[in-house]
């Protein structure tokens, strides 16, 4: 995945062919609070923040299974 002019191209990502609206996603600090808070974070801090989001999602969804990857979420 690459970031070019605040756009992420997901054309080659698995499962995106079924959802054409996700082939290119615009990241904007005005619309995405996670991106606004972490756009200048290093890889380690970003990983911790993503893990925190996943943990919150698991708690809210009250899921019994563990989400370990993007594929698990899909």
PDB file of N, CA and C in Angstrom:
ATOM      1  N   UNK A   1       0.842  -1.173   0.000  1.00  0.00           N
ATOM      2  CA  UNK A   1       0.000   0.000   0.000  1.00  0.00           C
ATOM      3  C   UNK A   1       0.886   1.234   0.000  1.00  0.00           C
ATOM      4  N   UNK A   2       0.495   2.184  -0.779  1.00  0.00           N
ATOM      5  CA  UNK A   2       1.240   3.423  -0.834  1.00  0.00           C
ATOM      6  C   UNK A   2       0.326   4.611  -0.619  1.00  0.00           C
ATOM      7  N   UNK A   3       0.890   5.684  -0.139  1.00  0.00           N
ATOM      8  CA  UNK A   3       0.147   6.913   0.090  1.00  0.00           C
ATOM      9  C   UNK A   3       0.649   7.944  -0.896  1.00  0.00           C
ATOM     10  N   UNK A   4      -0.240   8.432  -1.764  1.00  0.00           N
ATOM     11  CA  UNK A   4       0.134   9.412  -2.772  1.00  0.00           C
ATOM     12  C   UNK A   4      -0.938  10.499  -2.785  1.00  0.00           C
ATOM     13  N   UNK A   5      -0.568  11.705  -2.391  1.00  0.00           N
ATOM     14  CA  UNK A   5      -1.484  12.835  -2.384  1.00  0.00           C
ATOM     15  C   UNK A   5      -2.707  12.537  -1.495  1.00  0.00           C
ATOM     16  N   UNK A   6      -2.451  11.962  -0.316  1.00  0.00           N
ATOM     17  CA  UNK A   6      -3.483  11.581   0.658  1.00  0.00           C
ATOM     18  C   UNK A   6      -4.460  10.537   0.141  1.00  0.00           C
ATOM     19  N   UNK A   7      -4.071   9.770  -0.862  1.00  0.00           N
ATOM     20  CA  UNK A   7      -4.905   8.706  -1.410  1.00  0.00           C
ATOM     21  C   UNK A   7      -4.167   7.382  -1.295  1.00  0.00           C
ATOM     22  N   UNK A   8      -4.908   6.349  -0.912  1.00  0.00           N
ATOM     23  CA  UNK A   8      -4.360   5.005  -0.807  1.00  0.00           C
ATOM     24  C   UNK A   8      -5.031   4.155  -1.873  1.00  0.00           C
ATOM     25  N   UNK A   9      -4.220   3.545  -2.726  1.00  0.00           N
ATOM     26  CA  UNK A   9      -4.745   2.667  -3.758  1.00  0.00           C
ATOM     27  C   UNK A   9      -4.826   1.250  -3.215  1.00  0.00           C
ATOM     28  N   UNK A  10      -6.028   0.673  -3.230  1.00  0.00           N
ATOM     29  CA  UNK A  10      -6.259  -0.671  -2.720  1.00  0.00           C
ATOM     30  C   UNK A  10      -6.613  -1.644  -3.839  1.00  0.00           C
ATOM     31  N   UNK A  11      -6.290  -1.300  -5.071  1.00  0.00           N
ATOM     32  CA  UNK A  11      -6.676  -2.117  -6.220  1.00  0.00           C
ATOM     33  C   UNK A  11      -6.161  -3.543  -6.101  1.00  0.00           C
ATOM     34  N   UNK A  12      -4.946  -3.726  -5.619  1.00  0.00           N
ATOM     35  CA  UNK A  12      -4.356  -5.065  -5.537  1.00  0.00           C
ATOM     36  C   UNK A  12      -4.621  -5.762  -4.203  1.00  0.00           C
ATOM     37  N   UNK A  13      -5.388  -5.130  -3.313  1.00  0.00           N
ATOM     38  CA  UNK A  13      -5.692  -5.738  -2.018  1.00  0.00           C
ATOM     39  C   UNK A  13      -6.730  -6.844  -2.199  1.00  0.00           C
ATOM     40  N   UNK A  14      -6.595  -7.947  -1.449  1.00  0.00           N
ATOM     41  CA  UNK A  14      -7.558  -9.044  -1.587  1.00  0.00           C
ATOM     42  C   UNK A  14      -8.963  -8.629  -1.141  1.00  0.00           C
ATOM     43  N   UNK A  15      -9.962  -9.033  -1.918  1.00  0.00           N
ATOM     44  CA  UNK A  15     -11.354  -8.775  -1.565  1.00  0.00           C
ATOM     45  C   UNK A  15     -11.902  -7.430  -1.990  1.00  0.00           C
ATOM     46  N   UNK A  16     -11.086  -6.581  -2.579  1.00  0.00           N
ATOM     47  CA  UNK A  16     -11.537  -5.249  -2.960  1.00  0.00           C
ATOM     48  C   UNK A  16     -12.319  -5.267  -4.272  1.00  0.00           C
ATOM     49  N   UNK A  17     -12.100  -6.264  -5.119  1.00  0.00           N
ATOM     50  CA  UNK A  17     -12.808  -6.332  -6.395  1.00  0.00           C
ATOM     51  C   UNK A  17     -14.320  -6.351  -6.206  1.00  0.00           C
ATOM     52  N   UNK A  18     -14.782  -6.874  -5.083  1.00  0.00           N
ATOM     53  CA  UNK A  18     -16.218  -6.937  -4.797  1.00  0.00           C
ATOM     54  C   UNK A  18     -16.771  -5.595  -4.335  1.00  0.00           C
ATOM     55  N   UNK A  19     -15.884  -4.671  -3.946  1.00  0.00           N
ATOM     56  CA  UNK A  19     -16.292  -3.371  -3.423  1.00  0.00           C
ATOM     57  C   UNK A  19     -15.579  -2.263  -4.193  1.00  0.00           C
ATOM     58  N   UNK A  20     -16.089  -1.875  -5.352  1.00  0.00           N
ATOM     59  CA  UNK A  20     -15.380  -0.897  -6.196  1.00  0.00           C
ATOM     60  C   UNK A  20     -15.176   0.462  -5.538  1.00  0.00           C
ATOM     61  N   UNK A  21     -16.019   0.823  -4.560  1.00  0.00           N
ATOM     62  CA  UNK A  21     -15.857   2.123  -3.911  1.00  0.00           C
ATOM     63  C   UNK A  21     -14.611   2.186  -3.041  1.00  0.00           C
ATOM     64  N   UNK A  22     -13.987   1.029  -2.767  1.00  0.00           N
ATOM     65  CA  UNK A  22     -12.791   0.991  -1.935  1.00  0.00           C
ATOM     66  C   UNK A  22     -11.500   0.854  -2.737  1.00  0.00           C
ATOM     67  N   UNK A  23     -11.570   0.972  -4.062  1.00  0.00           N
ATOM     68  CA  UNK A  23     -10.352   0.833  -4.854  1.00  0.00           C
ATOM     69  C   UNK A  23      -9.359   1.952  -4.573  1.00  0.00           C
ATOM     70  N   UNK A  24      -9.863   3.119  -4.227  1.00  0.00           N
ATOM     71  CA  UNK A  24      -9.002   4.222  -3.831  1.00  0.00           C
ATOM     72  C   UNK A  24      -9.670   4.935  -2.667  1.00  0.00           C
ATOM     73  N   UNK A  25      -8.938   5.081  -1.563  1.00  0.00           N
ATOM     74  CA  UNK A  25      -9.480   5.687  -0.357  1.00  0.00           C
ATOM     75  C   UNK A  25      -8.716   6.973  -0.083  1.00  0.00           C
ATOM     76  N   UNK A  26      -9.446   8.036   0.214  1.00  0.00           N
ATOM     77  CA  UNK A  26      -8.831   9.321   0.535  1.00  0.00           C
ATOM     78  C   UNK A  26      -8.712   9.431   2.048  1.00  0.00           C
ATOM     79  N   UNK A  27      -7.498   9.720   2.510  1.00  0.00           N
ATOM     80  CA  UNK A  27      -7.251   9.933   3.943  1.00  0.00           C
ATOM     81  C   UNK A  27      -7.214  11.434   4.198  1.00  0.00           C
ATOM     82  N   UNK A  28      -8.060  11.896   5.063  1.00  0.00           N
ATOM     83  CA  UNK A  28      -8.139  13.316   5.360  1.00  0.00           C
ATOM     84  C   UNK A  28      -8.167  13.529   6.864  1.00  0.00           C
ATOM     85  N   UNK A  29      -7.357  14.445   7.360  1.00  0.00           N
ATOM     86  CA  UNK A  29      -7.324  14.720   8.790  1.00  0.00           C
ATOM     87  C   UNK A  29      -8.620  15.356   9.263  1.00  0.00           C
ATOM     88  N   UNK A  30      -9.374  15.946   8.356  1.00  0.00           N
ATOM     89  CA  UNK A  30     -10.644  16.559   8.748  1.00  0.00           C
ATOM     90  C   UNK A  30     -11.760  15.527   8.886  1.00  0.00           C
ATOM     91  N   UNK A  31     -11.612  14.367   8.252  1.00  0.00           N
ATOM     92  CA  UNK A  31     -12.659  13.353   8.288  1.00  0.00           C
ATOM     93  C   UNK A  31     -12.273  12.108   9.076  1.00  0.00           C
ATOM     94  N   UNK A  32     -11.001  11.895   9.321  1.00  0.00           N
ATOM     95  CA  UNK A  32     -10.538  10.672   9.968  1.00  0.00           C
ATOM     96  C   UNK A  32      -9.700  11.025  11.186  1.00  0.00           C
ATOM     97  N   UNK A  33     -10.294  10.889  12.363  1.00  0.00           N
ATOM     98  CA  UNK A  33      -9.593  11.287  13.585  1.00  0.00           C
ATOM     99  C   UNK A  33      -8.382  10.393  13.864  1.00  0.00           C
ATOM    100  N   UNK A  34      -8.476   9.088  13.523  1.00  0.00           N
ATOM    101  CA  UNK A  34      -7.335   8.203  13.729  1.00  0.00           C
ATOM    102  C   UNK A  34      -6.157   8.655  12.874  1.00  0.00           C
ATOM    103  N   UNK A  35      -6.413   8.970  11.619  1.00  0.00           N
ATOM    104  CA  UNK A  35      -5.350   9.456  10.729  1.00  0.00           C
ATOM    105  C   UNK A  35      -4.792  10.779  11.239  1.00  0.00           C
ATOM    106  N   UNK A  36      -5.657  11.658  11.711  1.00  0.00           N
ATOM    107  CA  UNK A  36      -5.199  12.954  12.225  1.00  0.00           C
ATOM    108  C   UNK A  36      -4.292  12.778  13.436  1.00  0.00           C
ATOM    109  N   UNK A  37      -4.633  11.836  14.308  1.00  0.00           N
ATOM    110  CA  UNK A  37      -3.842  11.630  15.523  1.00  0.00           C
ATOM    111  C   UNK A  37      -2.541  10.882  15.287  1.00  0.00           C
ATOM    112  N   UNK A  38      -2.464  10.100  14.207  1.00  0.00           N
ATOM    113  CA  UNK A  38      -1.312   9.219  14.021  1.00  0.00           C
ATOM    114  C   UNK A  38      -0.587   9.389  12.690  1.00  0.00           C
ATOM    115  N   UNK A  39      -0.862  10.445  11.948  1.00  0.00           N
ATOM    116  CA  UNK A  39      -0.238  10.585  10.627  1.00  0.00           C
ATOM    117  C   UNK A  39       1.275  10.784  10.699  1.00  0.00           C
ATOM    118  N   UNK A  40       1.785  11.261  11.810  1.00  0.00           N
ATOM    119  CA  UNK A  40       3.228  11.447  11.941  1.00  0.00           C
ATOM    120  C   UNK A  40       3.856  10.449  12.918  1.00  0.00           C
ATOM    121  N   UNK A  41       3.103   9.416  13.278  1.00  0.00           N
ATOM    122  CA  UNK A  41       3.611   8.418  14.225  1.00  0.00           C
ATOM    123  C   UNK A  41       4.598   7.475  13.544  1.00  0.00           C
ATOM    124  N   UNK A  42       5.526   6.942  14.325  1.00  0.00           N
ATOM    125  CA  UNK A  42       6.429   5.940  13.767  1.00  0.00           C
ATOM    126  C   UNK A  42       5.696   4.603  13.705  1.00  0.00           C
ATOM    127  N   UNK A  43       6.318   3.625  13.069  1.00  0.00           N
ATOM    128  CA  UNK A  43       5.666   2.338  12.821  1.00  0.00           C
ATOM    129  C   UNK A  43       5.266   1.638  14.117  1.00  0.00           C
ATOM    130  N   UNK A  44       6.101   1.694  15.126  1.00  0.00           N
ATOM    131  CA  UNK A  44       5.796   1.041  16.401  1.00  0.00           C
ATOM    132  C   UNK A  44       4.596   1.666  17.098  1.00  0.00           C
ATOM    133  N   UNK A  45       4.561   3.006  17.152  1.00  0.00           N
ATOM    134  CA  UNK A  45       3.434   3.691  17.779  1.00  0.00           C
ATOM    135  C   UNK A  45       2.146   3.452  17.005  1.00  0.00           C
ATOM    136  N   UNK A  46       2.246   3.408  15.684  1.00  0.00           N
ATOM    137  CA  UNK A  46       1.077   3.145  14.850  1.00  0.00           C
ATOM    138  C   UNK A  46       0.544   1.739  15.096  1.00  0.00           C
ATOM    139  N   UNK A  47       1.441   0.769  15.220  1.00  0.00           N
ATOM    140  CA  UNK A  47       1.029  -0.600  15.504  1.00  0.00           C
ATOM    141  C   UNK A  47       0.301  -0.723  16.837  1.00  0.00           C
ATOM    142  N   UNK A  48       0.787  -0.021  17.843  1.00  0.00           N
ATOM    143  CA  UNK A  48       0.141  -0.028  19.156  1.00  0.00           C
ATOM    144  C   UNK A  48      -1.246   0.610  19.062  1.00  0.00           C
ATOM    145  N   UNK A  49      -1.363   1.681  18.298  1.00  0.00           N
ATOM    146  CA  UNK A  49      -2.651   2.361  18.148  1.00  0.00           C
ATOM    147  C   UNK A  49      -3.659   1.478  17.410  1.00  0.00           C
ATOM    148  N   UNK A  50      -3.217   0.786  16.369  1.00  0.00           N
ATOM    149  CA  UNK A  50      -4.101  -0.119  15.628  1.00  0.00           C
ATOM    150  C   UNK A  50      -4.542  -1.267  16.523  1.00  0.00           C
ATOM    151  N   UNK A  51      -3.629  -1.805  17.308  1.00  0.00           N
ATOM    152  CA  UNK A  51      -3.969  -2.879  18.241  1.00  0.00           C
ATOM    153  C   UNK A  51      -5.012  -2.398  19.247  1.00  0.00           C
ATOM    154  N   UNK A  52      -4.875  -1.168  19.685  1.00  0.00           N
ATOM    155  CA  UNK A  52      -5.863  -0.601  20.594  1.00  0.00           C
ATOM    156  C   UNK A  52      -7.237  -0.492  19.957  1.00  0.00           C
ATOM    157  N   UNK A  53      -7.277  -0.078  18.692  1.00  0.00           N
ATOM    158  CA  UNK A  53      -8.553  -0.020  17.980  1.00  0.00           C
ATOM    159  C   UNK A  53      -9.180  -1.394  17.843  1.00  0.00           C
ATOM    160  N   UNK A  54      -8.366  -2.388  17.527  1.00  0.00           N
ATOM    161  CA  UNK A  54      -8.886  -3.748  17.402  1.00  0.00           C
ATOM    162  C   UNK A  54      -9.420  -4.261  18.732  1.00  0.00           C
ATOM    163  N   UNK A  55      -8.714  -3.978  19.812  1.00  0.00           N
ATOM    164  CA  UNK A  55      -9.176  -4.393  21.136  1.00  0.00           C
ATOM    165  C   UNK A  55     -10.506  -3.734  21.481  1.00  0.00           C
ATOM    166  N   UNK A  56     -10.634  -2.424  21.176  1.00  0.00           N
ATOM    167  CA  UNK A  56     -11.899  -1.723  21.422  1.00  0.00           C
ATOM    168  C   UNK A  56     -13.026  -2.318  20.590  1.00  0.00           C
ATOM    169  N   UNK A  57     -12.732  -2.621  19.341  1.00  0.00           N
ATOM    170  CA  UNK A  57     -13.742  -3.219  18.463  1.00  0.00           C
ATOM    171  C   UNK A  57     -14.195  -4.576  19.009  1.00  0.00           C
ATOM    172  N   UNK A  58     -13.250  -5.373  19.462  1.00  0.00           N
ATOM    173  CA  UNK A  58     -13.600  -6.682  20.014  1.00  0.00           C
ATOM    174  C   UNK A  58     -14.480  -6.539  21.250  1.00  0.00           C
ATOM    175  N   UNK A  59     -14.167  -5.579  22.100  1.00  0.00           N
ATOM    176  CA  UNK A  59     -14.975  -5.372  23.294  1.00  0.00           C
ATOM    177  C   UNK A  59     -16.392  -4.923  22.934  1.00  0.00           C
ATOM    178  N   UNK A  60     -16.495  -3.993  21.977  1.00  0.00           N
ATOM    179  CA  UNK A  60     -17.801  -3.473  21.584  1.00  0.00           C
ATOM    180  C   UNK A  60     -18.638  -4.535  20.879  1.00  0.00           C
ATOM    181  N   UNK A  61     -18.022  -5.324  20.055  1.00  0.00           N
ATOM    182  CA  UNK A  61     -18.748  -6.345  19.309  1.00  0.00           C
ATOM    183  C   UNK A  61     -18.989  -7.590  20.161  1.00  0.00           C
ATOM    184  N   UNK A  62     -18.311  -7.665  21.291  1.00  0.00           N
ATOM    185  CA  UNK A  62     -18.418  -8.809  22.204  1.00  0.00           C
ATOM    186  C   UNK A  62     -18.215 -10.126  21.456  1.00  0.00           C
ATOM    187  N   UNK A  63     -17.172 -10.136  20.684  1.00  0.00           N
ATOM    188  CA  UNK A  63     -16.861 -11.325  19.897  1.00  0.00           C
ATOM    189  C   UNK A  63     -16.068 -12.308  20.740  1.00  0.00           C
ATOM    190  N   UNK A  64     -16.301 -13.568  20.533  1.00  0.00           N
ATOM    191  CA  UNK A  64     -15.569 -14.603  21.249  1.00  0.00           C
ATOM    192  C   UNK A  64     -14.276 -14.974  20.539  1.00  0.00           C
ATOM    193  N   UNK A  65     -14.212 -14.700  19.236  1.00  0.00           N
ATOM    194  CA  UNK A  65     -13.002 -15.057  18.497  1.00  0.00           C
ATOM    195  C   UNK A  65     -12.013 -13.898  18.517  1.00  0.00           C
ATOM    196  N   UNK A  66     -10.791 -14.205  18.269  1.00  0.00           N
ATOM    197  CA  UNK A  66      -9.729 -13.209  18.304  1.00  0.00           C
ATOM    198  C   UNK A  66      -9.451 -12.688  16.897  1.00  0.00           C
ATOM    199  N   UNK A  67      -9.397 -11.376  16.749  1.00  0.00           N
ATOM    200  CA  UNK A  67      -9.062 -10.765  15.469  1.00  0.00           C
ATOM    201  C   UNK A  67      -7.566 -10.499  15.459  1.00  0.00           C
ATOM    202  N   UNK A  68      -6.876 -11.138  14.542  1.00  0.00           N
ATOM    203  CA  UNK A  68      -5.427 -10.989  14.458  1.00  0.00           C
ATOM    204  C   UNK A  68      -4.970 -10.290  13.194  1.00  0.00           C
ATOM    205  N   UNK A  69      -5.859 -10.152  12.188  1.00  0.00           N
ATOM    206  CA  UNK A  69      -5.443  -9.550  10.921  1.00  0.00           C
ATOM    207  C   UNK A  69      -6.634  -8.896  10.241  1.00  0.00           C
ATOM    208  N   UNK A  70      -6.350  -8.168   9.170  1.00  0.00           N
ATOM    209  CA  UNK A  70      -7.397  -7.531   8.369  1.00  0.00           C
ATOM    210  C   UNK A  70      -8.327  -8.576   7.778  1.00  0.00           C
ATOM    211  N   UNK A  71      -7.780  -9.708   7.363  1.00  0.00           N
ATOM    212  CA  UNK A  71      -8.600 -10.773   6.790  1.00  0.00           C
ATOM    213  C   UNK A  71      -9.618 -11.290   7.804  1.00  0.00           C
ATOM    214  N   UNK A  72      -9.224 -11.367   9.074  1.00  0.00           N
ATOM    215  CA  UNK A  72     -10.146 -11.808  10.118  1.00  0.00           C
ATOM    216  C   UNK A  72     -11.314 -10.822  10.262  1.00  0.00           C
ATOM    217  N   UNK A  73     -11.025  -9.539  10.112  1.00  0.00           N
ATOM    218  CA  UNK A  73     -12.086  -8.538  10.226  1.00  0.00           C
ATOM    219  C   UNK A  73     -13.062  -8.625   9.069  1.00  0.00           C
ATOM    220  N   UNK A  74     -12.550  -8.945   7.862  1.00  0.00           N
ATOM    221  CA  UNK A  74     -13.434  -9.030   6.697  1.00  0.00           C
ATOM    222  C   UNK A  74     -14.333 -10.216   6.837  1.00  0.00           C
TER     223      UNK A  74
END
